[in-house]
Protein backbone atom coordinates (compact mmCIF):
# COMPACT_ATOMS: atom_id res chain seq x y z
CA MET A 1 -11.32 -16.36 -21.65
CA ASP A 2 -14.13 -14.55 -19.87
CA GLU A 3 -12.65 -11.47 -18.25
CA GLY A 4 -15.74 -11.04 -16.12
CA GLY A 5 -16.89 -7.79 -14.65
CA VAL A 6 -20.05 -5.81 -14.80
CA PHE A 7 -21.69 -4.88 -18.09
CA PHE A 8 -21.50 -1.24 -19.25
CA GLU A 9 -25.30 -1.23 -19.69
CA ASP A 10 -25.79 -2.07 -15.99
CA LEU A 11 -23.70 0.82 -14.70
CA GLU A 12 -25.23 4.10 -13.52
CA GLU A 13 -23.67 7.28 -12.21
CA GLY A 14 -23.62 7.07 -8.43
CA GLY A 15 -23.56 3.27 -8.52
CA GLN A 16 -21.03 1.53 -6.31
CA ALA A 17 -18.82 -1.49 -6.73
CA PRO A 18 -18.92 -4.29 -4.17
CA VAL A 19 -16.44 -3.50 -1.35
CA ARG A 20 -13.36 -5.51 -0.62
CA THR A 21 -12.01 -5.57 2.92
CA HIS A 22 -8.76 -6.77 4.33
CA LYS A 23 -7.31 -6.69 7.86
CA LEU A 24 -3.70 -5.55 7.51
CA THR A 25 -1.33 -7.80 9.45
CA ARG A 26 2.39 -7.63 10.22
CA THR A 27 2.73 -10.80 8.14
CA ASP A 28 1.30 -8.87 5.17
CA LEU A 29 4.03 -6.25 5.65
CA VAL A 30 6.80 -8.82 5.69
CA ARG A 31 5.42 -10.79 2.73
CA TYR A 32 4.90 -7.62 0.68
CA ALA A 33 8.41 -6.37 1.50
CA GLY A 34 9.82 -9.63 0.16
CA ALA A 35 7.67 -9.64 -2.95
CA SER A 36 8.28 -5.98 -3.82
CA ARG A 37 11.86 -5.82 -2.53
CA ASP A 38 10.83 -2.72 -0.58
CA PHE A 39 12.78 -3.25 2.63
CA ASN A 40 12.28 0.21 4.09
CA PRO A 41 12.54 -0.42 7.86
CA MET A 42 9.43 1.75 8.45
CA HIS A 43 7.44 -1.26 7.22
CA HIS A 44 9.01 -4.00 9.36
CA ASP A 45 11.27 -2.62 12.13
CA GLU A 46 9.24 -1.42 15.12
CA ILE A 47 12.22 0.22 16.83
CA LYS A 48 13.32 2.20 13.78
CA ALA A 49 9.76 3.22 12.96
CA GLN A 50 9.20 4.55 16.48
CA ALA A 51 12.62 6.30 16.47
CA ALA A 52 11.44 8.09 13.32
CA GLY A 53 8.36 9.37 15.20
CA MET A 54 5.87 6.79 13.94
CA ARG A 55 3.57 5.00 16.36
CA SER A 56 4.49 1.66 14.78
CA VAL A 57 5.45 0.10 11.48
CA PHE A 58 2.98 0.86 8.71
CA GLY A 59 1.76 -0.63 5.48
CA HIS A 60 3.30 -0.11 2.07
CA GLY A 61 1.21 2.32 0.02
CA MET A 62 1.49 0.05 -2.98
CA PHE A 63 0.00 -2.83 -0.97
CA THR A 64 -3.09 -0.68 -0.46
CA ALA A 65 -3.06 0.34 -4.13
CA GLY A 66 -2.98 -3.35 -5.03
CA LEU A 67 -5.95 -4.06 -2.82
CA LEU A 68 -7.89 -1.32 -4.60
CA GLY A 69 -6.66 -2.52 -7.99
CA THR A 70 -8.00 -5.99 -7.28
CA ALA A 71 -11.39 -4.55 -6.28
CA LEU A 72 -11.41 -2.55 -9.54
CA THR A 73 -10.62 -5.52 -11.77
CA ASP A 74 -13.17 -7.64 -9.89
CA PHE A 75 -15.72 -4.93 -10.74
CA VAL A 76 -14.91 -4.06 -14.37
CA GLY A 77 -13.13 -7.24 -15.43
CA ILE A 78 -9.55 -8.25 -16.07
CA GLY A 79 -7.89 -6.25 -18.83
CA ASN A 80 -10.53 -3.51 -18.86
CA LEU A 81 -8.80 -0.79 -16.84
CA ARG A 82 -7.53 1.99 -19.07
CA GLU A 83 -6.26 4.40 -16.42
CA TYR A 84 -5.60 4.05 -12.69
CA LYS A 85 -4.25 6.84 -10.49
CA VAL A 86 -3.79 6.91 -6.75
CA ARG A 87 -2.65 9.28 -4.01
CA PHE A 88 -1.56 8.07 -0.59
CA THR A 89 -3.15 10.20 2.12
CA ASN A 90 -2.45 8.44 5.45
CA GLN A 91 -0.61 5.43 6.80
CA ALA A 92 -2.32 2.09 7.20
CA TRP A 93 -1.32 0.47 10.49
CA PRO A 94 -1.21 -3.20 11.47
CA ASP A 95 -4.71 -4.40 12.44
CA ASP A 96 -6.44 -1.68 10.42
CA VAL A 97 -9.35 -3.07 8.45
CA LEU A 98 -9.02 -1.61 4.95
CA THR A 99 -12.17 -1.21 2.88
CA THR A 100 -12.42 -0.16 -0.77
CA GLU A 101 -15.01 2.33 -1.98
CA ILE A 102 -15.54 2.66 -5.74
CA VAL A 103 -18.22 4.96 -7.19
CA VAL A 104 -19.24 5.41 -10.84
CA THR A 105 -18.88 9.11 -11.62
CA GLY A 106 -19.48 9.14 -15.35
CA LYS A 107 -20.23 7.16 -18.52
CA ASP A 108 -18.95 7.87 -21.98
CA GLU A 109 -21.59 6.21 -24.17
CA ALA A 110 -19.66 6.76 -27.43
CA ASN A 111 -16.55 4.92 -26.23
CA HIS A 112 -18.23 2.78 -23.53
CA LEU A 113 -15.81 4.12 -20.92
CA VAL A 114 -16.68 4.44 -17.26
CA SER A 115 -15.13 6.95 -14.85
CA LEU A 116 -14.67 5.82 -11.26
CA ASP A 117 -13.71 7.58 -8.04
CA CYS A 118 -11.95 5.34 -5.57
CA LYS A 119 -10.69 5.32 -2.03
CA VAL A 120 -9.57 2.99 0.70
CA VAL A 121 -10.67 3.73 4.25
CA THR A 122 -10.04 2.19 7.63
CA GLU A 123 -12.74 1.02 10.03
CA THR A 124 -12.42 4.38 11.79
CA GLY A 125 -13.07 6.30 8.56
CA THR A 126 -9.49 7.38 7.94
CA VAL A 127 -8.88 7.68 4.22
CA VAL A 128 -5.53 6.07 3.42
CA LEU A 129 -5.72 6.28 -0.35
CA THR A 130 -7.75 8.22 -2.93
CA GLY A 131 -7.79 7.63 -6.62
CA SER A 132 -9.58 7.50 -9.93
CA ALA A 133 -9.88 4.99 -12.71
CA THR A 134 -11.24 4.71 -16.21
CA ALA A 135 -12.45 1.38 -17.55
CA ALA A 136 -13.83 0.01 -20.77
CA ALA A 137 -16.54 -2.15 -19.24
CA ARG A 138 -17.71 -5.01 -21.42
CA ARG A 139 -20.90 -4.71 -23.42
CA ARG A 140 -23.67 -7.23 -23.83
CA ALA A 141 -23.74 -9.02 -27.14
CA ALA A 142 -26.20 -7.38 -29.55
């Protein structure tokens, strides 16, 4: 099976992965709640979310982490992530357009590992997630 992804030899510090965008919908929130079994009313009940001081329901952090995870595996290939860490920094609201940003920050030539800084931002520039990842990008056949 070809796991895909970029070749280690083609990566350079400062290089960026292709972006992935997704417009967050209320349907996404309901579907993700069912799939994850995370039925916190802050994600689906407008009245309870507003009573708690929120402007509306908001997206599950792990939904956003999954969007970023998909962008990472599209970039480095399936099965090549060795470490993935995220921190949730702001809520993602319905109708936000979420965009991934992945930048190569280092290359370990001896172990062919790549360090990546990651974030997900909205169309207004609000950072909703920051993170880092390490991947063993595939090498070209000698």
